[in-house]
PDB file of N, CA and C in Angstrom:
ATOM      1  N   MET A   1       6.369 -11.006   9.398  1.00  0.00           N
ATOM      2  CA  MET A   1       5.194 -10.173   9.171  1.00  0.00           C
ATOM      3  C   MET A   1       5.446  -9.004   8.445  1.00  0.00           C
ATOM      4  N   PRO A   2       4.962  -8.239   7.817  1.00  0.00           N
ATOM      5  CA  PRO A   2       5.690  -7.233   7.219  1.00  0.00           C
ATOM      6  C   PRO A   2       6.007  -5.831   8.037  1.00  0.00           C
ATOM      7  N   ARG A   3       6.521  -5.445   7.461  1.00  0.00           N
ATOM      8  CA  ARG A   3       7.426  -4.105   8.336  1.00  0.00           C
ATOM      9  C   ARG A   3       6.658  -2.820   7.429  1.00  0.00           C
ATOM     10  N   SER A   4       6.967  -2.792   5.930  1.00  0.00           N
ATOM     11  CA  SER A   4       6.553  -1.710   5.456  1.00  0.00           C
ATOM     12  C   SER A   4       5.057  -1.789   4.525  1.00  0.00           C
ATOM     13  N   LEU A   5       4.282  -1.147   4.357  1.00  0.00           N
ATOM     14  CA  LEU A   5       3.056  -1.343   3.562  1.00  0.00           C
ATOM     15  C   LEU A   5       3.104  -0.381   2.439  1.00  0.00           C
ATOM     16  N   LEU A   6       2.921  -0.998   1.443  1.00  0.00           N
ATOM     17  CA  LEU A   6       2.472   0.119  -0.018  1.00  0.00           C
ATOM     18  C   LEU A   6       1.751   0.277  -0.363  1.00  0.00           C
ATOM     19  N   LEU A   7       1.165   0.787  -0.616  1.00  0.00           N
ATOM     20  CA  LEU A   7      -0.181   1.406  -1.225  1.00  0.00           C
ATOM     21  C   LEU A   7      -0.448   2.112  -2.585  1.00  0.00           C
ATOM     22  N   TRP A   8      -0.611   1.513  -3.742  1.00  0.00           N
ATOM     23  CA  TRP A   8      -0.413   2.223  -5.123  1.00  0.00           C
ATOM     24  C   TRP A   8      -1.733   2.255  -5.909  1.00  0.00           C
ATOM     25  N   GLY A   9      -2.246   2.941  -6.558  1.00  0.00           N
ATOM     26  CA  GLY A   9      -3.156   3.479  -7.183  1.00  0.00           C
ATOM     27  C   GLY A   9      -2.734   2.898  -8.441  1.00  0.00           C
ATOM     28  N   ASN A  10      -3.602   2.315  -9.581  1.00  0.00           N
ATOM     29  CA  ASN A  10      -3.098   1.568 -10.745  1.00  0.00           C
ATOM     30  C   ASN A  10      -3.020   2.651 -11.713  1.00  0.00           C
ATOM     31  N   ASN A  11      -4.078   3.720 -11.381  1.00  0.00           N
ATOM     32  CA  ASN A  11      -4.366   4.567 -12.100  1.00  0.00           C
ATOM     33  C   ASN A  11      -3.212   6.020 -12.228  1.00  0.00           C
ATOM     34  N   ASP A  12      -2.343   5.828 -11.184  1.00  0.00           N
ATOM     35  CA  ASP A  12      -1.550   6.904 -10.889  1.00  0.00           C
ATOM     36  C   ASP A  12      -0.770   7.272 -11.619  1.00  0.00           C
ATOM     37  N   ALA A  13      -0.874   8.425 -12.630  1.00  0.00           N
ATOM     38  CA  ALA A  13      -0.438   9.246 -13.663  1.00  0.00           C
ATOM     39  C   ALA A  13       1.220   9.627 -12.955  1.00  0.00           C
ATOM     40  N   GLY A  14       1.394  10.066 -12.223  1.00  0.00           N
ATOM     41  CA  GLY A  14       2.950  10.295 -11.921  1.00  0.00           C
ATOM     42  C   GLY A  14       3.646   8.976 -11.705  1.00  0.00           C
ATOM     43  N   VAL A  15       3.391   8.288 -10.829  1.00  0.00           N
ATOM     44  CA  VAL A  15       4.262   7.064 -10.702  1.00  0.00           C
ATOM     45  C   VAL A  15       3.648   5.900 -11.091  1.00  0.00           C
ATOM     46  N   THR A  16       4.440   5.213 -11.693  1.00  0.00           N
ATOM     47  CA  THR A  16       3.915   3.994 -12.897  1.00  0.00           C
ATOM     48  C   THR A  16       3.375   2.872 -11.549  1.00  0.00           C
ATOM     49  N   VAL A  17       2.910   1.869 -11.743  1.00  0.00           N
ATOM     50  CA  VAL A  17       2.464   0.855 -11.497  1.00  0.00           C
ATOM     51  C   VAL A  17       4.084  -0.219 -10.706  1.00  0.00           C
ATOM     52  N   GLU A  18       4.331  -0.103 -12.359  1.00  0.00           N
ATOM     53  CA  GLU A  18       5.700  -1.049 -12.254  1.00  0.00           C
ATOM     54  C   GLU A  18       7.228  -0.127 -11.493  1.00  0.00           C
ATOM     55  N   ARG A  19       7.313   0.724 -11.274  1.00  0.00           N
ATOM     56  CA  ARG A  19       7.805   1.902 -10.089  1.00  0.00           C
ATOM     57  C   ARG A  19       7.238   1.238  -9.103  1.00  0.00           C
ATOM     58  N   GLY A  20       6.184   1.057  -8.430  1.00  0.00           N
ATOM     59  CA  GLY A  20       5.921   0.375  -7.344  1.00  0.00           C
ATOM     60  C   GLY A  20       6.240  -0.885  -6.876  1.00  0.00           C
ATOM     61  N   LEU A  21       6.204  -1.633  -8.114  1.00  0.00           N
ATOM     62  CA  LEU A  21       6.852  -2.964  -8.041  1.00  0.00           C
ATOM     63  C   LEU A  21       8.097  -2.954  -7.673  1.00  0.00           C
ATOM     64  N   LEU A  22       8.802  -2.553  -8.533  1.00  0.00           N
ATOM     65  CA  LEU A  22      10.429  -2.376  -8.415  1.00  0.00           C
ATOM     66  C   LEU A  22      10.555  -2.197  -6.580  1.00  0.00           C
ATOM     67  N   LEU A  23       9.917  -1.126  -5.893  1.00  0.00           N
ATOM     68  CA  LEU A  23      10.132  -0.456  -4.828  1.00  0.00           C
ATOM     69  C   LEU A  23       9.364  -1.937  -3.755  1.00  0.00           C
ATOM     70  N   PHE A  24       8.429  -2.460  -4.263  1.00  0.00           N
ATOM     71  CA  PHE A  24       8.297  -3.617  -3.358  1.00  0.00           C
ATOM     72  C   PHE A  24       9.136  -4.629  -3.086  1.00  0.00           C
ATOM     73  N   GLN A  25       9.655  -4.729  -4.399  1.00  0.00           N
ATOM     74  CA  GLN A  25      10.846  -6.038  -4.425  1.00  0.00           C
ATOM     75  C   GLN A  25      12.386  -5.554  -3.826  1.00  0.00           C
ATOM     76  N   SER A  26      12.472  -4.162  -3.562  1.00  0.00           N
ATOM     77  CA  SER A  26      13.482  -4.185  -2.976  1.00  0.00           C
ATOM     78  C   SER A  26      13.671  -4.154  -1.579  1.00  0.00           C
ATOM     79  N   ILE A  27      12.429  -3.624  -1.164  1.00  0.00           N
ATOM     80  CA  ILE A  27      12.257  -3.797   0.592  1.00  0.00           C
ATOM     81  C   ILE A  27      11.486  -5.067   0.823  1.00  0.00           C
ATOM     82  N   PRO A  28      12.450  -5.327   1.930  1.00  0.00           N
ATOM     83  CA  PRO A  28      12.137  -6.922   2.811  1.00  0.00           C
ATOM     84  C   PRO A  28      11.332  -6.629   3.421  1.00  0.00           C
ATOM     85  N   ASN A  29      10.331  -7.953   3.467  1.00  0.00           N
ATOM     86  CA  ASN A  29       9.397  -7.551   4.489  1.00  0.00           C
ATOM     87  C   ASN A  29       8.270  -6.732   4.114  1.00  0.00           C
ATOM     88  N   ALA A  30       7.624  -6.268   2.768  1.00  0.00           N
ATOM     89  CA  ALA A  30       6.969  -5.533   2.472  1.00  0.00           C
ATOM     90  C   ALA A  30       5.620  -5.961   2.236  1.00  0.00           C
ATOM     91  N   GLU A  31       4.456  -4.956   1.962  1.00  0.00           N
ATOM     92  CA  GLU A  31       3.589  -5.711   1.810  1.00  0.00           C
ATOM     93  C   GLU A  31       2.903  -4.725   0.979  1.00  0.00           C
ATOM     94  N   PHE A  32       2.459  -4.584  -0.446  1.00  0.00           N
ATOM     95  CA  PHE A  32       1.930  -4.451  -1.532  1.00  0.00           C
ATOM     96  C   PHE A  32       0.390  -4.786  -2.004  1.00  0.00           C
ATOM     97  N   HIS A  33      -0.382  -3.320  -1.753  1.00  0.00           N
ATOM     98  CA  HIS A  33      -1.691  -3.854  -2.344  1.00  0.00           C
ATOM     99  C   HIS A  33      -2.012  -2.378  -3.548  1.00  0.00           C
ATOM    100  N   LEU A  34      -2.438  -3.092  -4.495  1.00  0.00           N
ATOM    101  CA  LEU A  34      -2.654  -2.086  -5.687  1.00  0.00           C
ATOM    102  C   LEU A  34      -4.196  -1.846  -5.939  1.00  0.00           C
ATOM    103  N   PHE A  35      -4.630  -0.985  -5.984  1.00  0.00           N
ATOM    104  CA  PHE A  35      -5.733  -0.461  -6.146  1.00  0.00           C
ATOM    105  C   PHE A  35      -6.138  -0.019  -7.128  1.00  0.00           C
ATOM    106  N   ASP A  36      -7.449  -0.707  -7.892  1.00  0.00           N
ATOM    107  CA  ASP A  36      -8.081  -0.418  -9.153  1.00  0.00           C
ATOM    108  C   ASP A  36      -8.661   0.846  -9.271  1.00  0.00           C
ATOM    109  N   ARG A  37      -8.755   1.589 -10.412  1.00  0.00           N
ATOM    110  CA  ARG A  37      -9.768   2.782 -10.611  1.00  0.00           C
ATOM    111  C   ARG A  37      -9.082   3.689  -9.316  1.00  0.00           C
ATOM    112  N   CYS A  38      -7.652   3.948  -9.308  1.00  0.00           N
ATOM    113  CA  CYS A  38      -7.284   4.872  -8.696  1.00  0.00           C
ATOM    114  C   CYS A  38      -6.314   5.634  -8.957  1.00  0.00           C
ATOM    115  N   GLY A  39      -5.807   6.887  -8.535  1.00  0.00           N
ATOM    116  CA  GLY A  39      -4.971   7.521  -8.924  1.00  0.00           C
ATOM    117  C   GLY A  39      -3.787   8.037  -7.832  1.00  0.00           C
ATOM    118  N   HIS A  40      -3.038   8.881  -7.348  1.00  0.00           N
ATOM    119  CA  HIS A  40      -2.442   8.758  -6.569  1.00  0.00           C
ATOM    120  C   HIS A  40      -2.947   8.961  -5.411  1.00  0.00           C
ATOM    121  N   TRP A  41      -3.739   9.192  -5.025  1.00  0.00           N
ATOM    122  CA  TRP A  41      -4.196   9.904  -3.448  1.00  0.00           C
ATOM    123  C   TRP A  41      -5.178   8.435  -3.000  1.00  0.00           C
ATOM    124  N   VAL A  42      -4.581   7.379  -2.935  1.00  0.00           N
ATOM    125  CA  VAL A  42      -5.342   5.889  -2.991  1.00  0.00           C
ATOM    126  C   VAL A  42      -6.142   6.619  -0.802  1.00  0.00           C
ATOM    127  N   MET A  43      -5.655   6.994  -0.502  1.00  0.00           N
ATOM    128  CA  MET A  43      -6.703   7.543   0.941  1.00  0.00           C
ATOM    129  C   MET A  43      -7.465   7.928   0.705  1.00  0.00           C
ATOM    130  N   TRP A  44      -7.843   8.653  -0.506  1.00  0.00           N
ATOM    131  CA  TRP A  44      -9.277   9.523  -0.869  1.00  0.00           C
ATOM    132  C   TRP A  44      -9.901   8.786  -1.907  1.00  0.00           C
ATOM    133  N   ASP A  45      -9.201   8.166  -2.711  1.00  0.00           N
ATOM    134  CA  ASP A  45      -9.998   7.177  -3.771  1.00  0.00           C
ATOM    135  C   ASP A  45     -10.738   6.328  -3.162  1.00  0.00           C
ATOM    136  N   HIS A  46      -9.960   5.574  -2.248  1.00  0.00           N
ATOM    137  CA  HIS A  46     -10.717   4.177  -1.399  1.00  0.00           C
ATOM    138  C   HIS A  46     -10.587   4.190  -0.171  1.00  0.00           C
ATOM    139  N   ALA A  47     -11.205   5.347   0.410  1.00  0.00           N
ATOM    140  CA  ALA A  47     -10.857   5.377   1.782  1.00  0.00           C
ATOM    141  C   ALA A  47     -11.346   4.445   2.790  1.00  0.00           C
ATOM    142  N   GLU A  48     -12.423   3.748   2.604  1.00  0.00           N
ATOM    143  CA  GLU A  48     -12.705   2.575   3.487  1.00  0.00           C
ATOM    144  C   GLU A  48     -11.793   1.607   3.181  1.00  0.00           C
ATOM    145  N   ARG A  49     -11.077   1.053   2.265  1.00  0.00           N
ATOM    146  CA  ARG A  49     -10.021  -0.144   2.208  1.00  0.00           C
ATOM    147  C   ARG A  49      -9.067   0.212   2.724  1.00  0.00           C
ATOM    148  N   PHE A  50      -8.577   1.492   2.450  1.00  0.00           N
ATOM    149  CA  PHE A  50      -7.184   2.182   2.981  1.00  0.00           C
ATOM    150  C   PHE A  50      -7.363   2.358   4.625  1.00  0.00           C
ATOM    151  N   ASN A  51      -8.319   2.941   5.159  1.00  0.00           N
ATOM    152  CA  ASN A  51      -8.430   2.524   6.364  1.00  0.00           C
ATOM    153  C   ASN A  51      -8.226   1.438   7.192  1.00  0.00           C
ATOM    154  N   THR A  52      -8.902   0.316   6.310  1.00  0.00           N
ATOM    155  CA  THR A  52      -9.042  -1.087   7.122  1.00  0.00           C
ATOM    156  C   THR A  52      -7.664  -1.625   6.973  1.00  0.00           C
ATOM    157  N   LEU A  53      -7.031  -1.235   5.896  1.00  0.00           N
ATOM    158  CA  LEU A  53      -5.594  -1.642   5.522  1.00  0.00           C
ATOM    159  C   LEU A  53      -4.460  -1.750   6.643  1.00  0.00           C
ATOM    160  N   VAL A  54      -4.656  -0.001   6.899  1.00  0.00           N
ATOM    161  CA  VAL A  54      -3.526   0.451   7.381  1.00  0.00           C
ATOM    162  C   VAL A  54      -3.935   0.241   8.972  1.00  0.00           C
ATOM    163  N   ALA A  55      -5.210   0.299   9.415  1.00  0.00           N
ATOM    164  CA  ALA A  55      -5.426  -0.318  10.543  1.00  0.00           C
ATOM    165  C   ALA A  55      -5.153  -1.563  11.109  1.00  0.00           C
ATOM    166  N   ASP A  56      -5.602  -2.571  10.073  1.00  0.00           N
ATOM    167  CA  ASP A  56      -5.085  -3.875  10.207  1.00  0.00           C
ATOM    168  C   ASP A  56      -3.062  -4.177  10.264  1.00  0.00           C
ATOM    169  N   PHE A  57      -2.721  -3.262   9.939  1.00  0.00           N
ATOM    170  CA  PHE A  57      -1.531  -3.273   9.312  1.00  0.00           C
ATOM    171  C   PHE A  57      -0.481  -3.070  10.902  1.00  0.00           C
ATOM    172  N   LEU A  58      -1.183  -1.636  11.449  1.00  0.00           N
ATOM    173  CA  LEU A  58      -0.740  -1.135  12.385  1.00  0.00           C
ATOM    174  C   LEU A  58      -1.169  -2.518  13.840  1.00  0.00           C
ATOM    175  N   ARG A  59      -2.284  -2.692  13.846  1.00  0.00           N
ATOM    176  CA  ARG A  59      -2.545  -3.735  14.579  1.00  0.00           C
ATOM    177  C   ARG A  59      -1.927  -4.885  14.633  1.00  0.00           C
ATOM    178  N   ALA A  60      -1.307  -5.548  14.182  1.00  0.00           N
ATOM    179  CA  ALA A  60      -0.577  -6.654  13.431  1.00  0.00           C
ATOM    180  C   ALA A  60       1.021  -6.326  14.260  1.00  0.00           C
ATOM    181  N   ALA A  61       1.391  -4.428  13.830  1.00  0.00           N
ATOM    182  CA  ALA A  61       2.800  -4.125  14.431  1.00  0.00           C
ATOM    183  C   ALA A  61       2.496  -4.341  15.913  1.00  0.00           C
ATOM    184  N   ALA A  62       1.732  -4.259  16.397  1.00  0.00           N
ATOM    185  CA  ALA A  62       1.490  -3.176  17.872  1.00  0.00           C
ATOM    186  C   ALA A  62       1.463  -4.812  18.642  1.00  0.00           C
ATOM    187  N   ARG A  63       0.972  -5.915  17.669  1.00  0.00           N
ATOM    188  CA  ARG A  63       1.117  -7.049  18.618  1.00  0.00           C
ATOM    189  C   ARG A  63       2.553  -7.765  18.664  1.00  0.00           C
ATOM    190  N   GLU A  64       3.089  -7.473  17.211  1.00  0.00           N
ATOM    191  CA  GLU A  64       4.332  -7.805  17.187  1.00  0.00           C
ATOM    192  C   GLU A  64       5.361  -7.204  18.184  1.00  0.00           C
ATOM    193  N   GLY A  65       5.237  -5.690  18.751  1.00  0.00           N
ATOM    194  CA  GLY A  65       5.855  -5.203  19.566  1.00  0.00           C
ATOM    195  C   GLY A  65       6.982  -4.532  19.259  1.00  0.00           C
TER     196      GLY A  65
END
């Protein structure tokens, strides 16, 4: 199961998607989610999807112990 959760905005003007993908490729057991029509603040631009992904990720981590 993934141990790192990467959530990335497709329209982030400060940190490109390519940079996010490089980070994803360098972290073992990472999970990467790309948000369309989204800048740097995925938790504000797509709050419902963000909250669902984070809650599911944390639940899975808690089950693993």
